PDB file of N, CA and C in Angstrom:
ATOM      1  N   UNK A   1       0.633  14.712  -2.714  1.00  0.00           N
ATOM      2  CA  UNK A   1      -0.598  13.658  -2.849  1.00  0.00           C
ATOM      3  C   UNK A   1      -1.686  14.526  -3.456  1.00  0.00           C
ATOM      4  N   UNK A   2      -2.516  13.907  -4.235  1.00  0.00           N
ATOM      5  CA  UNK A   2      -3.687  14.618  -4.931  1.00  0.00           C
ATOM      6  C   UNK A   2      -5.025  14.665  -3.856  1.00  0.00           C
ATOM      7  N   UNK A   3      -5.557  15.653  -3.925  1.00  0.00           N
ATOM      8  CA  UNK A   3      -6.929  16.008  -3.248  1.00  0.00           C
ATOM      9  C   UNK A   3      -7.821  14.979  -3.790  1.00  0.00           C
ATOM     10  N   UNK A   4      -8.900  14.873  -2.727  1.00  0.00           N
ATOM     11  CA  UNK A   4     -10.217  13.849  -3.199  1.00  0.00           C
ATOM     12  C   UNK A   4     -11.217  14.633  -3.373  1.00  0.00           C
ATOM     13  N   UNK A   5     -12.034  14.390  -4.346  1.00  0.00           N
ATOM     14  CA  UNK A   5     -13.374  15.275  -4.728  1.00  0.00           C
ATOM     15  C   UNK A   5     -14.497  14.146  -4.661  1.00  0.00           C
ATOM     16  N   UNK A   6     -15.474  14.347  -3.480  1.00  0.00           N
ATOM     17  CA  UNK A   6     -16.306  13.441  -3.506  1.00  0.00           C
ATOM     18  C   UNK A   6     -17.657  14.262  -4.168  1.00  0.00           C
ATOM     19  N   UNK A   7     -18.391  13.511  -4.915  1.00  0.00           N
ATOM     20  CA  UNK A   7     -19.703  14.122  -5.336  1.00  0.00           C
ATOM     21  C   UNK A   7     -20.816  13.468  -4.306  1.00  0.00           C
ATOM     22  N   UNK A   8     -21.725  13.994  -3.690  1.00  0.00           N
ATOM     23  CA  UNK A   8     -22.794  13.699  -3.155  1.00  0.00           C
ATOM     24  C   UNK A   8     -24.070  14.463  -3.106  1.00  0.00           C
ATOM     25  N   UNK A   9     -25.379  14.090  -2.552  1.00  0.00           N
ATOM     26  CA  UNK A   9     -26.402  14.835  -2.066  1.00  0.00           C
ATOM     27  C   UNK A   9     -26.485  15.397  -0.759  1.00  0.00           C
ATOM     28  N   UNK A  10     -26.911  16.590  -0.757  1.00  0.00           N
ATOM     29  CA  UNK A  10     -27.134  17.302   0.683  1.00  0.00           C
ATOM     30  C   UNK A  10     -28.433  16.822   0.830  1.00  0.00           C
ATOM     31  N   UNK A  11     -28.870  17.642   2.256  1.00  0.00           N
ATOM     32  CA  UNK A  11     -30.121  17.331   2.913  1.00  0.00           C
ATOM     33  C   UNK A  11     -31.312  17.605   2.011  1.00  0.00           C
ATOM     34  N   UNK A  12     -31.113  18.714   1.117  1.00  0.00           N
ATOM     35  CA  UNK A  12     -32.206  19.046   0.184  1.00  0.00           C
ATOM     36  C   UNK A  12     -32.159  18.291  -0.941  1.00  0.00           C
ATOM     37  N   UNK A  13     -31.304  17.260  -1.231  1.00  0.00           N
ATOM     38  CA  UNK A  13     -31.373  16.449  -2.244  1.00  0.00           C
ATOM     39  C   UNK A  13     -30.779  17.158  -3.641  1.00  0.00           C
ATOM     40  N   UNK A  14     -29.980  18.131  -3.410  1.00  0.00           N
ATOM     41  CA  UNK A  14     -29.279  18.906  -4.303  1.00  0.00           C
ATOM     42  C   UNK A  14     -27.731  18.433  -4.377  1.00  0.00           C
ATOM     43  N   UNK A  15     -27.118  18.478  -5.806  1.00  0.00           N
ATOM     44  CA  UNK A  15     -25.994  17.870  -5.722  1.00  0.00           C
ATOM     45  C   UNK A  15     -24.704  18.844  -5.345  1.00  0.00           C
ATOM     46  N   UNK A  16     -23.818  18.307  -4.595  1.00  0.00           N
ATOM     47  CA  UNK A  16     -22.757  19.138  -4.172  1.00  0.00           C
ATOM     48  C   UNK A  16     -21.554  18.282  -4.302  1.00  0.00           C
ATOM     49  N   UNK A  17     -20.190  18.880  -4.183  1.00  0.00           N
ATOM     50  CA  UNK A  17     -19.049  18.188  -4.029  1.00  0.00           C
ATOM     51  C   UNK A  17     -18.262  18.845  -2.919  1.00  0.00           C
ATOM     52  N   UNK A  18     -17.484  17.841  -2.432  1.00  0.00           N
ATOM     53  CA  UNK A  18     -16.459  18.333  -1.334  1.00  0.00           C
ATOM     54  C   UNK A  18     -14.916  17.931  -1.683  1.00  0.00           C
ATOM     55  N   UNK A  19     -14.004  19.014  -1.268  1.00  0.00           N
ATOM     56  CA  UNK A  19     -12.700  18.697  -1.524  1.00  0.00           C
ATOM     57  C   UNK A  19     -12.042  18.080  -0.249  1.00  0.00           C
ATOM     58  N   UNK A  20     -11.433  17.275  -0.456  1.00  0.00           N
ATOM     59  CA  UNK A  20     -10.791  16.582   1.039  1.00  0.00           C
ATOM     60  C   UNK A  20      -9.293  16.234   0.822  1.00  0.00           C
ATOM     61  N   UNK A  21      -8.751  16.441   1.894  1.00  0.00           N
ATOM     62  CA  UNK A  21      -7.284  16.141   1.902  1.00  0.00           C
ATOM     63  C   UNK A  21      -7.258  14.390   1.702  1.00  0.00           C
ATOM     64  N   UNK A  22      -5.987  14.099   1.334  1.00  0.00           N
ATOM     65  CA  UNK A  22      -5.566  12.552   1.513  1.00  0.00           C
ATOM     66  C   UNK A  22      -5.807  12.033   2.718  1.00  0.00           C
ATOM     67  N   UNK A  23      -5.948  12.749   3.909  1.00  0.00           N
ATOM     68  CA  UNK A  23      -6.090  12.226   4.960  1.00  0.00           C
ATOM     69  C   UNK A  23      -7.635  12.217   5.448  1.00  0.00           C
ATOM     70  N   UNK A  24      -8.213  12.808   4.757  1.00  0.00           N
ATOM     71  CA  UNK A  24      -9.827  12.840   4.854  1.00  0.00           C
ATOM     72  C   UNK A  24     -10.460  14.156   5.415  1.00  0.00           C
ATOM     73  N   UNK A  25      -9.724  15.002   5.769  1.00  0.00           N
ATOM     74  CA  UNK A  25     -10.173  16.337   6.223  1.00  0.00           C
ATOM     75  C   UNK A  25     -10.913  17.327   5.072  1.00  0.00           C
ATOM     76  N   UNK A  26     -11.968  17.578   5.370  1.00  0.00           N
ATOM     77  CA  UNK A  26     -12.802  18.599   4.543  1.00  0.00           C
ATOM     78  C   UNK A  26     -12.205  19.865   4.236  1.00  0.00           C
ATOM     79  N   UNK A  27     -11.836  20.445   3.270  1.00  0.00           N
ATOM     80  CA  UNK A  27     -11.246  21.837   3.102  1.00  0.00           C
ATOM     81  C   UNK A  27     -12.018  22.366   2.299  1.00  0.00           C
ATOM     82  N   UNK A  28     -13.154  22.123   1.419  1.00  0.00           N
ATOM     83  CA  UNK A  28     -14.227  22.955   0.734  1.00  0.00           C
ATOM     84  C   UNK A  28     -15.421  22.369   0.345  1.00  0.00           C
ATOM     85  N   UNK A  29     -16.553  22.779   0.428  1.00  0.00           N
ATOM     86  CA  UNK A  29     -17.920  22.210   0.113  1.00  0.00           C
ATOM     87  C   UNK A  29     -18.367  22.994  -0.969  1.00  0.00           C
ATOM     88  N   UNK A  30     -18.824  22.789  -2.125  1.00  0.00           N
ATOM     89  CA  UNK A  30     -19.404  23.524  -3.201  1.00  0.00           C
ATOM     90  C   UNK A  30     -20.886  23.942  -2.757  1.00  0.00           C
ATOM     91  N   UNK A  31     -21.244  24.661  -3.553  1.00  0.00           N
ATOM     92  CA  UNK A  31     -22.748  25.324  -3.589  1.00  0.00           C
ATOM     93  C   UNK A  31     -23.590  24.070  -4.012  1.00  0.00           C
ATOM     94  N   UNK A  32     -24.943  24.387  -3.889  1.00  0.00           N
ATOM     95  CA  UNK A  32     -25.677  23.185  -4.518  1.00  0.00           C
ATOM     96  C   UNK A  32     -25.947  23.190  -6.006  1.00  0.00           C
ATOM     97  N   UNK A  33     -25.980  22.190  -6.633  1.00  0.00           N
ATOM     98  CA  UNK A  33     -26.319  22.312  -8.006  1.00  0.00           C
ATOM     99  C   UNK A  33     -27.406  21.675  -8.190  1.00  0.00           C
ATOM    100  N   UNK A  34     -28.065  21.954  -9.274  1.00  0.00           N
ATOM    101  CA  UNK A  34     -29.639  21.491  -9.574  1.00  0.00           C
ATOM    102  C   UNK A  34     -29.429  20.002 -10.053  1.00  0.00           C
ATOM    103  N   UNK A  35     -28.262  19.508 -10.626  1.00  0.00           N
ATOM    104  CA  UNK A  35     -28.477  18.218 -11.219  1.00  0.00           C
ATOM    105  C   UNK A  35     -26.934  17.672 -11.059  1.00  0.00           C
ATOM    106  N   UNK A  36     -26.735  16.468 -11.484  1.00  0.00           N
ATOM    107  CA  UNK A  36     -25.410  15.857 -11.468  1.00  0.00           C
ATOM    108  C   UNK A  36     -24.314  16.654 -12.557  1.00  0.00           C
ATOM    109  N   UNK A  37     -24.843  16.789 -13.954  1.00  0.00           N
ATOM    110  CA  UNK A  37     -24.120  17.425 -14.849  1.00  0.00           C
ATOM    111  C   UNK A  37     -23.666  18.549 -14.393  1.00  0.00           C
ATOM    112  N   UNK A  38     -24.527  19.554 -13.846  1.00  0.00           N
ATOM    113  CA  UNK A  38     -24.000  20.929 -13.371  1.00  0.00           C
ATOM    114  C   UNK A  38     -22.832  20.648 -12.167  1.00  0.00           C
ATOM    115  N   UNK A  39     -23.050  19.913 -11.437  1.00  0.00           N
ATOM    116  CA  UNK A  39     -22.008  19.483 -10.332  1.00  0.00           C
ATOM    117  C   UNK A  39     -20.684  19.039 -10.912  1.00  0.00           C
ATOM    118  N   UNK A  40     -20.914  18.445 -12.151  1.00  0.00           N
ATOM    119  CA  UNK A  40     -19.787  18.070 -12.568  1.00  0.00           C
ATOM    120  C   UNK A  40     -18.878  18.873 -13.296  1.00  0.00           C
ATOM    121  N   UNK A  41     -19.526  19.863 -14.033  1.00  0.00           N
ATOM    122  CA  UNK A  41     -19.129  20.944 -14.476  1.00  0.00           C
ATOM    123  C   UNK A  41     -18.526  21.715 -13.415  1.00  0.00           C
ATOM    124  N   UNK A  42     -19.197  21.807 -12.356  1.00  0.00           N
ATOM    125  CA  UNK A  42     -18.377  22.428 -11.288  1.00  0.00           C
ATOM    126  C   UNK A  42     -17.040  22.052 -10.764  1.00  0.00           C
ATOM    127  N   UNK A  43     -16.884  20.590 -10.824  1.00  0.00           N
ATOM    128  CA  UNK A  43     -15.787  19.924 -10.487  1.00  0.00           C
ATOM    129  C   UNK A  43     -14.669  20.266 -11.405  1.00  0.00           C
ATOM    130  N   UNK A  44     -15.176  20.203 -12.781  1.00  0.00           N
ATOM    131  CA  UNK A  44     -14.011  20.514 -13.831  1.00  0.00           C
ATOM    132  C   UNK A  44     -13.690  21.972 -13.675  1.00  0.00           C
ATOM    133  N   UNK A  45     -14.468  22.807 -13.396  1.00  0.00           N
ATOM    134  CA  UNK A  45     -13.837  24.326 -13.324  1.00  0.00           C
ATOM    135  C   UNK A  45     -13.144  24.286 -12.170  1.00  0.00           C
ATOM    136  N   UNK A  46     -13.165  23.998 -11.125  1.00  0.00           N
ATOM    137  CA  UNK A  46     -12.364  23.761  -9.961  1.00  0.00           C
ATOM    138  C   UNK A  46     -11.039  23.264 -10.366  1.00  0.00           C
ATOM    139  N   UNK A  47     -10.927  21.912 -11.082  1.00  0.00           N
ATOM    140  CA  UNK A  47      -9.848  21.538 -11.485  1.00  0.00           C
ATOM    141  C   UNK A  47      -8.721  22.472 -12.416  1.00  0.00           C
ATOM    142  N   UNK A  48      -9.488  23.388 -13.420  1.00  0.00           N
ATOM    143  CA  UNK A  48      -9.235  24.087 -14.074  1.00  0.00           C
ATOM    144  C   UNK A  48      -8.608  25.442 -13.302  1.00  0.00           C
ATOM    145  N   UNK A  49      -8.994  25.754 -12.447  1.00  0.00           N
ATOM    146  CA  UNK A  49      -8.891  27.120 -11.745  1.00  0.00           C
ATOM    147  C   UNK A  49      -8.025  27.044 -10.258  1.00  0.00           C
ATOM    148  N   UNK A  50      -8.197  26.072  -9.659  1.00  0.00           N
ATOM    149  CA  UNK A  50      -7.485  26.174  -8.303  1.00  0.00           C
ATOM    150  C   UNK A  50      -6.097  26.101  -8.367  1.00  0.00           C
ATOM    151  N   UNK A  51      -5.365  25.386  -9.187  1.00  0.00           N
ATOM    152  CA  UNK A  51      -3.857  25.653  -9.183  1.00  0.00           C
ATOM    153  C   UNK A  51      -3.565  26.983  -9.492  1.00  0.00           C
ATOM    154  N   UNK A  52      -3.990  27.631 -10.348  1.00  0.00           N
ATOM    155  CA  UNK A  52      -3.826  28.820 -10.735  1.00  0.00           C
ATOM    156  C   UNK A  52      -4.260  30.134 -10.412  1.00  0.00           C
ATOM    157  N   UNK A  53      -5.325  29.883  -9.480  1.00  0.00           N
ATOM    158  CA  UNK A  53      -6.060  31.037  -8.978  1.00  0.00           C
ATOM    159  C   UNK A  53      -5.257  31.954  -8.075  1.00  0.00           C
ATOM    160  N   UNK A  54      -5.445  33.213  -8.228  1.00  0.00           N
ATOM    161  CA  UNK A  54      -4.960  34.429  -7.627  1.00  0.00           C
ATOM    162  C   UNK A  54      -5.568  34.372  -6.316  1.00  0.00           C
ATOM    163  N   UNK A  55      -4.509  34.847  -5.143  1.00  0.00           N
ATOM    164  CA  UNK A  55      -4.847  35.054  -3.884  1.00  0.00           C
ATOM    165  C   UNK A  55      -5.132  36.565  -3.447  1.00  0.00           C
ATOM    166  N   UNK A  56      -6.038  36.845  -2.902  1.00  0.00           N
ATOM    167  CA  UNK A  56      -6.408  38.208  -2.338  1.00  0.00           C
ATOM    168  C   UNK A  56      -6.498  38.151  -1.044  1.00  0.00           C
ATOM    169  N   UNK A  57      -5.306  39.116  -0.348  1.00  0.00           N
ATOM    170  CA  UNK A  57      -5.122  39.022   1.234  1.00  0.00           C
ATOM    171  C   UNK A  57      -6.019  40.194   1.606  1.00  0.00           C
ATOM    172  N   UNK A  58      -7.371  39.712   2.193  1.00  0.00           N
ATOM    173  CA  UNK A  58      -8.015  40.668   2.864  1.00  0.00           C
ATOM    174  C   UNK A  58      -8.222  40.880   4.108  1.00  0.00           C
ATOM    175  N   UNK A  59      -7.100  40.372   4.966  1.00  0.00           N
ATOM    176  CA  UNK A  59      -6.961  40.188   6.340  1.00  0.00           C
ATOM    177  C   UNK A  59      -6.674  41.538   6.857  1.00  0.00           C
ATOM    178  N   UNK A  60      -7.154  42.139   7.935  1.00  0.00           N
ATOM    179  CA  UNK A  60      -6.302  43.337   8.435  1.00  0.00           C
ATOM    180  C   UNK A  60      -5.188  42.838   9.189  1.00  0.00           C
ATOM    181  N   UNK A  61      -4.342  43.840   9.365  1.00  0.00           N
ATOM    182  CA  UNK A  61      -3.328  43.651  10.535  1.00  0.00           C
ATOM    183  C   UNK A  61      -3.928  43.492  11.686  1.00  0.00           C
ATOM    184  N   UNK A  62      -3.238  42.504  12.482  1.00  0.00           N
ATOM    185  CA  UNK A  62      -3.617  42.460  14.165  1.00  0.00           C
ATOM    186  C   UNK A  62      -2.611  43.250  14.958  1.00  0.00           C
ATOM    187  N   UNK A  63      -3.650  43.878  15.914  1.00  0.00           N
ATOM    188  CA  UNK A  63      -2.704  44.676  16.637  1.00  0.00           C
ATOM    189  C   UNK A  63      -1.434  43.754  17.386  1.00  0.00           C
ATOM    190  N   UNK A  64      -0.456  44.648  17.750  1.00  0.00           N
ATOM    191  CA  UNK A  64       0.657  43.900  18.385  1.00  0.00           C
ATOM    192  C   UNK A  64       0.682  43.929  19.701  1.00  0.00           C
ATOM    193  N   UNK A  65       0.880  42.537  20.241  1.00  0.00           N
ATOM    194  CA  UNK A  65       0.595  42.154  21.639  1.00  0.00           C
ATOM    195  C   UNK A  65       1.731  42.896  22.610  1.00  0.00           C
ATOM    196  N   UNK A  66       1.539  43.007  23.960  1.00  0.00           N
ATOM    197  CA  UNK A  66       2.468  43.580  24.788  1.00  0.00           C
ATOM    198  C   UNK A  66       3.562  42.559  24.961  1.00  0.00           C
ATOM    199  N   UNK A  67       4.754  43.347  24.978  1.00  0.00           N
ATOM    200  CA  UNK A  67       6.202  42.322  24.924  1.00  0.00           C
ATOM    201  C   UNK A  67       6.314  41.781  23.964  1.00  0.00           C
ATOM    202  N   UNK A  68       5.815  41.861  22.488  1.00  0.00           N
ATOM    203  CA  UNK A  68       6.415  41.206  21.276  1.00  0.00           C
ATOM    204  C   UNK A  68       7.601  42.138  20.970  1.00  0.00           C
ATOM    205  N   UNK A  69       8.454  41.536  20.459  1.00  0.00           N
ATOM    206  CA  UNK A  69       9.641  42.439  19.799  1.00  0.00           C
ATOM    207  C   UNK A  69       9.499  42.683  18.320  1.00  0.00           C
ATOM    208  N   UNK A  70       8.521  42.043  17.918  1.00  0.00           N
ATOM    209  CA  UNK A  70       8.307  42.253  16.413  1.00  0.00           C
ATOM    210  C   UNK A  70       7.067  42.836  15.987  1.00  0.00           C
ATOM    211  N   UNK A  71       6.991  43.398  14.977  1.00  0.00           N
ATOM    212  CA  UNK A  71       5.560  43.957  14.504  1.00  0.00           C
ATOM    213  C   UNK A  71       4.918  42.896  13.900  1.00  0.00           C
ATOM    214  N   UNK A  72       3.668  43.337  13.517  1.00  0.00           N
ATOM    215  CA  UNK A  72       2.894  42.210  12.827  1.00  0.00           C
ATOM    216  C   UNK A  72       3.483  41.811  11.571  1.00  0.00           C
ATOM    217  N   UNK A  73       3.262  40.575  11.230  1.00  0.00           N
ATOM    218  CA  UNK A  73       3.792  39.654   9.800  1.00  0.00           C
ATOM    219  C   UNK A  73       2.764  39.691   8.937  1.00  0.00           C
ATOM    220  N   UNK A  74       2.898  40.386   7.833  1.00  0.00           N
ATOM    221  CA  UNK A  74       2.062  40.322   6.581  1.00  0.00           C
ATOM    222  C   UNK A  74       2.617  39.707   5.749  1.00  0.00           C
ATOM    223  N   UNK A  75       2.149  38.483   5.210  1.00  0.00           N
ATOM    224  CA  UNK A  75       2.805  37.598   4.508  1.00  0.00           C
ATOM    225  C   UNK A  75       2.793  38.258   2.745  1.00  0.00           C
ATOM    226  N   UNK A  76       3.609  37.958   2.330  1.00  0.00           N
ATOM    227  CA  UNK A  76       3.299  38.418   0.619  1.00  0.00           C
ATOM    228  C   UNK A  76       3.255  37.106  -0.396  1.00  0.00           C
ATOM    229  N   UNK A  77       1.959  37.789  -0.694  1.00  0.00           N
ATOM    230  CA  UNK A  77       1.358  36.431  -1.595  1.00  0.00           C
ATOM    231  C   UNK A  77       1.328  36.916  -2.898  1.00  0.00           C
ATOM    232  N   UNK A  78       1.914  36.146  -3.912  1.00  0.00           N
ATOM    233  CA  UNK A  78       2.045  36.436  -5.372  1.00  0.00           C
ATOM    234  C   UNK A  78       1.242  35.447  -6.247  1.00  0.00           C
TER     235      UNK A  78
END
């Protein structure tokens, strides 16, 4: 299913958009934009880049807990 993008005014009357799951959970909120055209351009950029963006894993390994039989799992992201 496709995500939902909502364009809205924030408390300061700036334009923003939010990315929501089909179930309605908000998963990202944009920075404020000065006008609607700039927010729409931001949505276009999101659509172009989101599916092809590289992922950089900046998480530090977590210490192993007592009794755990395996070491920390570090996912491989390509």
